[in-house]
Full PDB file with SEQRES, HELIX, SHEET, SSBOND, CRYST1, ORIGX, SCALE, CONECT and MASTER records, all heavy atoms in Angstrom:
SEQRES   1 A   32  LEU GLN ASP LEU ASN GLU PHE VAL VAL SER LEU ASP GLN          
SEQRES   2 A   32  LEU GLY SER ARG GLN ALA PHE GLY THR ALA ASP GLU TYR          
SEQRES   3 A   32  THR VAL GLY LYS PHE VAL                                      
HELIX    1 AA1 GLN A    2  ALA A   19  1                                  18    
HELIX    2 AA2 GLU A   25  PHE A   31  1                                   7    
CRYST1    1.000    1.000    1.000  90.00  90.00  90.00 P 1           1          
ORIGX1      1.000000  0.000000  0.000000        0.00000                         
ORIGX2      0.000000  1.000000  0.000000        0.00000                         
ORIGX3      0.000000  0.000000  1.000000        0.00000                         
SCALE1      1.000000  0.000000  0.000000        0.00000                         
SCALE2      0.000000  1.000000  0.000000        0.00000                         
SCALE3      0.000000  0.000000  1.000000        0.00000                         
ATOM      1  N   LEU A   1      33.224 -30.024  29.212  1.00  0.00           N  
ATOM      2  CA  LEU A   1      32.359 -30.350  30.347  1.00  0.00           C  
ATOM      3  C   LEU A   1      30.951 -30.736  29.887  1.00  0.00           C  
ATOM      4  O   LEU A   1      30.351 -31.656  30.444  1.00  0.00           O  
ATOM      5  CB  LEU A   1      32.300 -29.177  31.325  1.00  0.00           C  
ATOM      6  CG  LEU A   1      33.584 -28.928  32.116  1.00  0.00           C  
ATOM      7  CD1 LEU A   1      33.466 -27.650  32.935  1.00  0.00           C  
ATOM      8  CD2 LEU A   1      33.911 -30.109  33.005  1.00  0.00           C  
ATOM      9  N   GLN A   2      30.430 -30.062  28.871  1.00  0.00           N  
ATOM     10  CA  GLN A   2      29.119 -30.423  28.338  1.00  0.00           C  
ATOM     11  C   GLN A   2      29.145 -31.835  27.764  1.00  0.00           C  
ATOM     12  O   GLN A   2      28.231 -32.632  28.028  1.00  0.00           O  
ATOM     13  CB  GLN A   2      28.682 -29.429  27.258  1.00  0.00           C  
ATOM     14  CG  GLN A   2      28.238 -28.099  27.806  1.00  0.00           C  
ATOM     15  CD  GLN A   2      27.940 -27.088  26.693  1.00  0.00           C  
ATOM     16  OE1 GLN A   2      28.571 -27.096  25.639  1.00  0.00           O  
ATOM     17  NE2 GLN A   2      26.984 -26.213  26.956  1.00  0.00           N  
ATOM     18  N   ASP A   3      30.160 -32.138  26.971  1.00  0.00           N  
ATOM     19  CA  ASP A   3      30.265 -33.484  26.409  1.00  0.00           C  
ATOM     20  C   ASP A   3      30.332 -34.534  27.506  1.00  0.00           C  
ATOM     21  O   ASP A   3      29.600 -35.528  27.485  1.00  0.00           O  
ATOM     22  CB  ASP A   3      31.511 -33.606  25.517  1.00  0.00           C  
ATOM     23  CG  ASP A   3      31.340 -32.978  24.149  1.00  0.00           C  
ATOM     24  OD1 ASP A   3      30.197 -32.630  23.774  1.00  0.00           O  
ATOM     25  OD2 ASP A   3      32.361 -32.839  23.446  1.00  0.00           O  
ATOM     26  N   LEU A   4      31.214 -34.328  28.477  1.00  0.00           N  
ATOM     27  CA  LEU A   4      31.369 -35.303  29.557  1.00  0.00           C  
ATOM     28  C   LEU A   4      30.074 -35.460  30.353  1.00  0.00           C  
ATOM     29  O   LEU A   4      29.693 -36.582  30.705  1.00  0.00           O  
ATOM     30  CB  LEU A   4      32.527 -34.901  30.472  1.00  0.00           C  
ATOM     31  CG  LEU A   4      33.917 -34.949  29.828  1.00  0.00           C  
ATOM     32  CD1 LEU A   4      34.964 -34.415  30.799  1.00  0.00           C  
ATOM     33  CD2 LEU A   4      34.268 -36.338  29.339  1.00  0.00           C  
ATOM     34  N   ASN A   5      29.385 -34.366  30.599  1.00  0.00           N  
ATOM     35  CA  ASN A   5      28.126 -34.441  31.332  1.00  0.00           C  
ATOM     36  C   ASN A   5      27.086 -35.230  30.534  1.00  0.00           C  
ATOM     37  O   ASN A   5      26.381 -36.087  31.091  1.00  0.00           O  
ATOM     38  CB  ASN A   5      27.609 -33.040  31.648  1.00  0.00           C  
ATOM     39  CG  ASN A   5      26.423 -33.082  32.576  1.00  0.00           C  
ATOM     40  OD1 ASN A   5      26.480 -33.685  33.644  1.00  0.00           O  
ATOM     41  ND2 ASN A   5      25.330 -32.454  32.174  1.00  0.00           N  
ATOM     42  N   GLU A   6      26.989 -34.966  29.234  1.00  0.00           N  
ATOM     43  CA  GLU A   6      26.045 -35.712  28.395  1.00  0.00           C  
ATOM     44  C   GLU A   6      26.358 -37.204  28.419  1.00  0.00           C  
ATOM     45  O   GLU A   6      25.447 -38.031  28.518  1.00  0.00           O  
ATOM     46  CB  GLU A   6      26.098 -35.207  26.957  1.00  0.00           C  
ATOM     47  CG  GLU A   6      25.467 -33.853  26.763  1.00  0.00           C  
ATOM     48  CD  GLU A   6      25.584 -33.342  25.333  1.00  0.00           C  
ATOM     49  OE1 GLU A   6      25.992 -34.120  24.436  1.00  0.00           O  
ATOM     50  OE2 GLU A   6      25.265 -32.165  25.108  1.00  0.00           O  
ATOM     51  N   PHE A   7      27.634 -37.558  28.330  1.00  0.00           N  
ATOM     52  CA  PHE A   7      28.007 -38.967  28.323  1.00  0.00           C  
ATOM     53  C   PHE A   7      27.695 -39.633  29.657  1.00  0.00           C  
ATOM     54  O   PHE A   7      27.158 -40.738  29.696  1.00  0.00           O  
ATOM     55  CB  PHE A   7      29.487 -39.143  27.982  1.00  0.00           C  
ATOM     56  CG  PHE A   7      29.853 -38.650  26.611  1.00  0.00           C  
ATOM     57  CD1 PHE A   7      31.102 -38.112  26.377  1.00  0.00           C  
ATOM     58  CD2 PHE A   7      28.960 -38.704  25.554  1.00  0.00           C  
ATOM     59  CE1 PHE A   7      31.456 -37.653  25.114  1.00  0.00           C  
ATOM     60  CE2 PHE A   7      29.303 -38.250  24.291  1.00  0.00           C  
ATOM     61  CZ  PHE A   7      30.553 -37.717  24.069  1.00  0.00           C  
ATOM     62  N   VAL A   8      28.051 -38.984  30.754  1.00  0.00           N  
ATOM     63  CA  VAL A   8      27.817 -39.570  32.080  1.00  0.00           C  
ATOM     64  C   VAL A   8      26.328 -39.788  32.318  1.00  0.00           C  
ATOM     65  O   VAL A   8      25.899 -40.876  32.712  1.00  0.00           O  
ATOM     66  CB  VAL A   8      28.435 -38.689  33.193  1.00  0.00           C  
ATOM     67  CG1 VAL A   8      27.962 -39.123  34.567  1.00  0.00           C  
ATOM     68  CG2 VAL A   8      29.953 -38.726  33.103  1.00  0.00           C  
ATOM     69  N   VAL A   9      25.520 -38.784  32.062  1.00  0.00           N  
ATOM     70  CA  VAL A   9      24.073 -38.899  32.290  1.00  0.00           C  
ATOM     71  C   VAL A   9      23.469 -39.939  31.350  1.00  0.00           C  
ATOM     72  O   VAL A   9      22.698 -40.808  31.772  1.00  0.00           O  
ATOM     73  CB  VAL A   9      23.381 -37.526  32.129  1.00  0.00           C  
ATOM     74  CG1 VAL A   9      21.870 -37.671  32.158  1.00  0.00           C  
ATOM     75  CG2 VAL A   9      23.841 -36.571  33.231  1.00  0.00           C  
ATOM     76  N   SER A  10      23.840 -39.880  30.072  1.00  0.00           N  
ATOM     77  CA  SER A  10      23.280 -40.813  29.095  1.00  0.00           C  
ATOM     78  C   SER A  10      23.677 -42.256  29.393  1.00  0.00           C  
ATOM     79  O   SER A  10      22.846 -43.170  29.320  1.00  0.00           O  
ATOM     80  CB  SER A  10      23.716 -40.432  27.683  1.00  0.00           C  
ATOM     81  OG  SER A  10      23.211 -39.160  27.341  1.00  0.00           O  
ATOM     82  N   LEU A  11      24.954 -42.481  29.727  1.00  0.00           N  
ATOM     83  CA  LEU A  11      25.386 -43.838  30.041  1.00  0.00           C  
ATOM     84  C   LEU A  11      24.733 -44.351  31.317  1.00  0.00           C  
ATOM     85  O   LEU A  11      24.405 -45.543  31.420  1.00  0.00           O  
ATOM     86  CB  LEU A  11      26.914 -43.896  30.139  1.00  0.00           C  
ATOM     87  CG  LEU A  11      27.634 -43.750  28.802  1.00  0.00           C  
ATOM     88  CD1 LEU A  11      29.133 -43.558  29.017  1.00  0.00           C  
ATOM     89  CD2 LEU A  11      27.364 -44.950  27.896  1.00  0.00           C  
ATOM     90  N   ASP A  12      24.508 -43.480  32.279  1.00  0.00           N  
ATOM     91  CA  ASP A  12      23.790 -43.879  33.488  1.00  0.00           C  
ATOM     92  C   ASP A  12      22.362 -44.301  33.141  1.00  0.00           C  
ATOM     93  O   ASP A  12      21.869 -45.323  33.625  1.00  0.00           O  
ATOM     94  CB  ASP A  12      23.786 -42.732  34.499  1.00  0.00           C  
ATOM     95  CG  ASP A  12      23.087 -43.114  35.782  1.00  0.00           C  
ATOM     96  OD1 ASP A  12      23.542 -44.064  36.455  1.00  0.00           O  
ATOM     97  OD2 ASP A  12      22.060 -42.472  36.115  1.00  0.00           O  
ATOM     98  N   GLN A  13      21.717 -43.525  32.290  1.00  0.00           N  
ATOM     99  CA  GLN A  13      20.355 -43.867  31.875  1.00  0.00           C  
ATOM    100  C   GLN A  13      20.330 -45.177  31.091  1.00  0.00           C  
ATOM    101  O   GLN A  13      19.440 -46.007  31.285  1.00  0.00           O  
ATOM    102  CB  GLN A  13      19.739 -42.733  31.056  1.00  0.00           C  
ATOM    103  CG  GLN A  13      19.455 -41.501  31.890  1.00  0.00           C  
ATOM    104  CD  GLN A  13      19.003 -40.313  31.054  1.00  0.00           C  
ATOM    105  OE1 GLN A  13      19.104 -40.297  29.837  1.00  0.00           O  
ATOM    106  NE2 GLN A  13      18.505 -39.282  31.733  1.00  0.00           N  
ATOM    107  N   LEU A  14      21.315 -45.371  30.216  1.00  0.00           N  
ATOM    108  CA  LEU A  14      21.402 -46.625  29.469  1.00  0.00           C  
ATOM    109  C   LEU A  14      21.630 -47.810  30.412  1.00  0.00           C  
ATOM    110  O   LEU A  14      21.048 -48.883  30.228  1.00  0.00           O  
ATOM    111  CB  LEU A  14      22.523 -46.557  28.439  1.00  0.00           C  
ATOM    112  CG  LEU A  14      22.206 -45.772  27.176  1.00  0.00           C  
ATOM    113  CD1 LEU A  14      23.478 -45.508  26.381  1.00  0.00           C  
ATOM    114  CD2 LEU A  14      21.186 -46.495  26.320  1.00  0.00           C  
ATOM    115  N   GLY A  15      22.478 -47.612  31.403  1.00  0.00           N  
ATOM    116  CA  GLY A  15      22.710 -48.672  32.385  1.00  0.00           C  
ATOM    117  C   GLY A  15      21.448 -49.030  33.140  1.00  0.00           C  
ATOM    118  O   GLY A  15      21.156 -50.216  33.371  1.00  0.00           O  
ATOM    119  N   SER A  16      20.667 -48.038  33.504  1.00  0.00           N  
ATOM    120  CA  SER A  16      19.391 -48.295  34.184  1.00  0.00           C  
ATOM    121  C   SER A  16      18.439 -49.054  33.273  1.00  0.00           C  
ATOM    122  O   SER A  16      17.765 -49.995  33.701  1.00  0.00           O  
ATOM    123  CB  SER A  16      18.749 -46.979  34.628  1.00  0.00           C  
ATOM    124  OG  SER A  16      19.519 -46.364  35.622  1.00  0.00           O  
ATOM    125  N   ARG A  17      18.393 -48.643  32.014  1.00  0.00           N  
ATOM    126  CA  ARG A  17      17.528 -49.329  31.050  1.00  0.00           C  
ATOM    127  C   ARG A  17      17.971 -50.773  30.861  1.00  0.00           C  
ATOM    128  O   ARG A  17      17.135 -51.675  30.761  1.00  0.00           O  
ATOM    129  CB  ARG A  17      17.520 -48.595  29.719  1.00  0.00           C  
ATOM    130  CG  ARG A  17      16.748 -47.271  29.790  1.00  0.00           C  
ATOM    131  CD  ARG A  17      16.747 -46.531  28.474  1.00  0.00           C  
ATOM    132  NE  ARG A  17      16.148 -47.346  27.414  1.00  0.00           N  
ATOM    133  CZ  ARG A  17      16.214 -47.062  26.129  1.00  0.00           C  
ATOM    134  NH1 ARG A  17      16.863 -45.983  25.717  1.00  0.00           N  
ATOM    135  NH2 ARG A  17      15.659 -47.843  25.235  1.00  0.00           N  
ATOM    136  N   GLN A  18      19.275 -51.013  30.824  1.00  0.00           N  
ATOM    137  CA  GLN A  18      19.762 -52.382  30.699  1.00  0.00           C  
ATOM    138  C   GLN A  18      19.368 -53.203  31.924  1.00  0.00           C  
ATOM    139  O   GLN A  18      18.970 -54.354  31.798  1.00  0.00           O  
ATOM    140  CB  GLN A  18      21.278 -52.408  30.520  1.00  0.00           C  
ATOM    141  CG  GLN A  18      21.730 -52.084  29.118  1.00  0.00           C  
ATOM    142  CD  GLN A  18      23.229 -52.213  28.953  1.00  0.00           C  
ATOM    143  OE1 GLN A  18      23.988 -51.695  29.772  1.00  0.00           O  
ATOM    144  NE2 GLN A  18      23.646 -52.874  27.897  1.00  0.00           N  
ATOM    145  N   ALA A  19      19.476 -52.615  33.092  1.00  0.00           N  
ATOM    146  CA  ALA A  19      19.127 -53.320  34.325  1.00  0.00           C  
ATOM    147  C   ALA A  19      17.657 -53.720  34.337  1.00  0.00           C  
ATOM    148  O   ALA A  19      17.297 -54.764  34.898  1.00  0.00           O  
ATOM    149  CB  ALA A  19      19.451 -52.448  35.538  1.00  0.00           C  
ATOM    150  N   PHE A  20      16.804 -52.913  33.720  1.00  0.00           N  
ATOM    151  CA  PHE A  20      15.381 -53.209  33.678  1.00  0.00           C  
ATOM    152  C   PHE A  20      14.978 -53.978  32.423  1.00  0.00           C  
ATOM    153  O   PHE A  20      13.796 -54.217  32.183  1.00  0.00           O  
ATOM    154  CB  PHE A  20      14.553 -51.925  33.793  1.00  0.00           C  
ATOM    155  CG  PHE A  20      14.576 -51.344  35.182  1.00  0.00           C  
ATOM    156  CD1 PHE A  20      15.338 -50.225  35.456  1.00  0.00           C  
ATOM    157  CD2 PHE A  20      13.867 -51.925  36.215  1.00  0.00           C  
ATOM    158  CE1 PHE A  20      15.380 -49.690  36.728  1.00  0.00           C  
ATOM    159  CE2 PHE A  20      13.900 -51.404  37.491  1.00  0.00           C  
ATOM    160  CZ  PHE A  20      14.665 -50.276  37.760  1.00  0.00           C  
ATOM    161  N   GLY A  21      15.965 -54.322  31.592  1.00  0.00           N  
ATOM    162  CA  GLY A  21      15.694 -55.126  30.417  1.00  0.00           C  
ATOM    163  C   GLY A  21      15.120 -54.377  29.229  1.00  0.00           C  
ATOM    164  O   GLY A  21      14.608 -54.991  28.300  1.00  0.00           O  
ATOM    165  N   THR A  22      15.183 -53.052  29.237  1.00  0.00           N  
ATOM    166  CA  THR A  22      14.628 -52.276  28.121  1.00  0.00           C  
ATOM    167  C   THR A  22      15.698 -51.756  27.176  1.00  0.00           C  
ATOM    168  O   THR A  22      15.391 -51.011  26.263  1.00  0.00           O  
ATOM    169  CB  THR A  22      13.772 -51.099  28.640  1.00  0.00           C  
ATOM    170  OG1 THR A  22      14.597 -50.247  29.437  1.00  0.00           O  
ATOM    171  CG2 THR A  22      12.582 -51.593  29.453  1.00  0.00           C  
ATOM    172  N   ALA A  23      16.931 -52.152  27.380  1.00  0.00           N  
ATOM    173  CA  ALA A  23      18.034 -51.779  26.480  1.00  0.00           C  
ATOM    174  C   ALA A  23      19.003 -52.950  26.418  1.00  0.00           C  
ATOM    175  O   ALA A  23      19.135 -53.714  27.370  1.00  0.00           O  
ATOM    176  CB  ALA A  23      18.745 -50.524  26.970  1.00  0.00           C  
ATOM    177  N   ASP A  24      19.671 -53.090  25.289  1.00  0.00           N  
ATOM    178  CA  ASP A  24      20.655 -54.149  25.131  1.00  0.00           C  
ATOM    179  C   ASP A  24      21.947 -53.564  24.553  1.00  0.00           C  
ATOM    180  O   ASP A  24      22.083 -52.344  24.439  1.00  0.00           O  
ATOM    181  CB  ASP A  24      20.118 -55.266  24.241  1.00  0.00           C  
ATOM    182  CG  ASP A  24      19.696 -54.767  22.871  1.00  0.00           C  
ATOM    183  OD1 ASP A  24      20.045 -53.625  22.489  1.00  0.00           O  
ATOM    184  OD2 ASP A  24      19.009 -55.523  22.155  1.00  0.00           O  
ATOM    185  N   GLU A  25      22.880 -54.438  24.183  1.00  0.00           N  
ATOM    186  CA  GLU A  25      24.161 -53.983  23.652  1.00  0.00           C  
ATOM    187  C   GLU A  25      23.980 -53.145  22.387  1.00  0.00           C  
ATOM    188  O   GLU A  25      24.722 -52.214  22.134  1.00  0.00           O  
ATOM    189  CB  GLU A  25      25.083 -55.175  23.361  1.00  0.00           C  
ATOM    190  CG  GLU A  25      25.542 -55.897  24.610  1.00  0.00           C  
ATOM    191  CD  GLU A  25      24.512 -56.899  25.144  1.00  0.00           C  
ATOM    192  OE1 GLU A  25      23.530 -57.213  24.427  1.00  0.00           O  
ATOM    193  OE2 GLU A  25      24.671 -57.341  26.278  1.00  0.00           O  
ATOM    194  N   TYR A  26      22.994 -53.499  21.577  1.00  0.00           N  
ATOM    195  CA  TYR A  26      22.726 -52.737  20.352  1.00  0.00           C  
ATOM    196  C   TYR A  26      22.402 -51.286  20.701  1.00  0.00           C  
ATOM    197  O   TYR A  26      22.885 -50.360  20.046  1.00  0.00           O  
ATOM    198  CB  TYR A  26      21.568 -53.361  19.563  1.00  0.00           C  
ATOM    199  CG  TYR A  26      21.130 -52.498  18.411  1.00  0.00           C  
ATOM    200  CD1 TYR A  26      21.867 -52.474  17.220  1.00  0.00           C  
ATOM    201  CD2 TYR A  26      20.009 -51.686  18.513  1.00  0.00           C  
ATOM    202  CE1 TYR A  26      21.476 -51.663  16.161  1.00  0.00           C  
ATOM    203  CE2 TYR A  26      19.620 -50.871  17.458  1.00  0.00           C  
ATOM    204  CZ  TYR A  26      20.353 -50.870  16.289  1.00  0.00           C  
ATOM    205  OH  TYR A  26      19.969 -50.053  15.255  1.00  0.00           O  
ATOM    206  N   THR A  27      21.591 -51.080  21.734  1.00  0.00           N  
ATOM    207  CA  THR A  27      21.207 -49.728  22.146  1.00  0.00           C  
ATOM    208  C   THR A  27      22.433 -48.923  22.554  1.00  0.00           C  
ATOM    209  O   THR A  27      22.585 -47.763  22.171  1.00  0.00           O  
ATOM    210  CB  THR A  27      20.207 -49.775  23.316  1.00  0.00           C  
ATOM    211  OG1 THR A  27      19.122 -50.647  22.963  1.00  0.00           O  
ATOM    212  CG2 THR A  27      19.666 -48.407  23.654  1.00  0.00           C  
ATOM    213  N   VAL A  28      23.316 -49.536  23.315  1.00  0.00           N  
ATOM    214  CA  VAL A  28      24.533 -48.853  23.741  1.00  0.00           C  
ATOM    215  C   VAL A  28      25.414 -48.545  22.532  1.00  0.00           C  
ATOM    216  O   VAL A  28      25.927 -47.433  22.385  1.00  0.00           O  
ATOM    217  CB  VAL A  28      25.304 -49.691  24.790  1.00  0.00           C  
ATOM    218  CG1 VAL A  28      26.623 -49.026  25.145  1.00  0.00           C  
ATOM    219  CG2 VAL A  28      24.449 -49.896  26.034  1.00  0.00           C  
ATOM    220  N   GLY A  29      25.567 -49.509  21.636  1.00  0.00           N  
ATOM    221  CA  GLY A  29      26.358 -49.292  20.429  1.00  0.00           C  
ATOM    222  C   GLY A  29      25.786 -48.191  19.558  1.00  0.00           C  
ATOM    223  O   GLY A  29      26.523 -47.372  18.993  1.00  0.00           O  
ATOM    224  N   LYS A  30      24.469 -48.148  19.460  1.00  0.00           N  
ATOM    225  CA  LYS A  30      23.800 -47.101  18.674  1.00  0.00           C  
ATOM    226  C   LYS A  30      24.063 -45.732  19.299  1.00  0.00           C  
ATOM    227  O   LYS A  30      24.342 -44.760  18.593  1.00  0.00           O  
ATOM    228  CB  LYS A  30      22.306 -47.383  18.577  1.00  0.00           C  
ATOM    229  CG  LYS A  30      21.565 -46.438  17.677  1.00  0.00           C  
ATOM    230  CD  LYS A  30      20.204 -46.989  17.304  1.00  0.00           C  
ATOM    231  CE  LYS A  30      19.357 -46.020  16.530  1.00  0.00           C  
ATOM    232  NZ  LYS A  30      20.025 -45.230  15.523  1.00  0.00           N  
ATOM    233  N   PHE A  31      23.992 -45.652  20.622  1.00  0.00           N  
ATOM    234  CA  PHE A  31      24.296 -44.394  21.314  1.00  0.00           C  
ATOM    235  C   PHE A  31      25.724 -43.946  20.996  1.00  0.00           C  
ATOM    236  O   PHE A  31      25.960 -42.794  20.633  1.00  0.00           O  
ATOM    237  CB  PHE A  31      24.108 -44.549  22.828  1.00  0.00           C  
ATOM    238  CG  PHE A  31      24.779 -43.469  23.631  1.00  0.00           C  
ATOM    239  CD1 PHE A  31      24.234 -42.193  23.672  1.00  0.00           C  
ATOM    240  CD2 PHE A  31      25.956 -43.717  24.321  1.00  0.00           C  
ATOM    241  CE1 PHE A  31      24.867 -41.171  24.401  1.00  0.00           C  
ATOM    242  CE2 PHE A  31      26.576 -42.707  25.049  1.00  0.00           C  
ATOM    243  CZ  PHE A  31      26.030 -41.441  25.082  1.00  0.00           C  
ATOM    244  N   VAL A  32      26.678 -44.867  21.123  1.00  0.00           N  
ATOM    245  CA  VAL A  32      28.090 -44.534  20.886  1.00  0.00           C  
ATOM    246  C   VAL A  32      28.275 -44.025  19.456  1.00  0.00           C  
ATOM    247  O   VAL A  32      28.974 -43.037  19.229  1.00  0.00           O  
ATOM    248  CB  VAL A  32      28.993 -45.749  21.179  1.00  0.00           C  
ATOM    249  CG1 VAL A  32      30.412 -45.515  20.699  1.00  0.00           C  
ATOM    250  CG2 VAL A  32      28.982 -46.068  22.676  1.00  0.00           C  
TER     251      VAL A  32                                                      
MASTER        0    0    0    2    0    0    0    6  250    1    0    3          
END                                                                             
């Protein structure tokens, strides 16, 4: 549950950053 919660929250934050242009595919790949 901790892992899943971290992934859901982090991916949501990354998605928001992508929407605002402050993150790209590299950022997501680095997170993964």
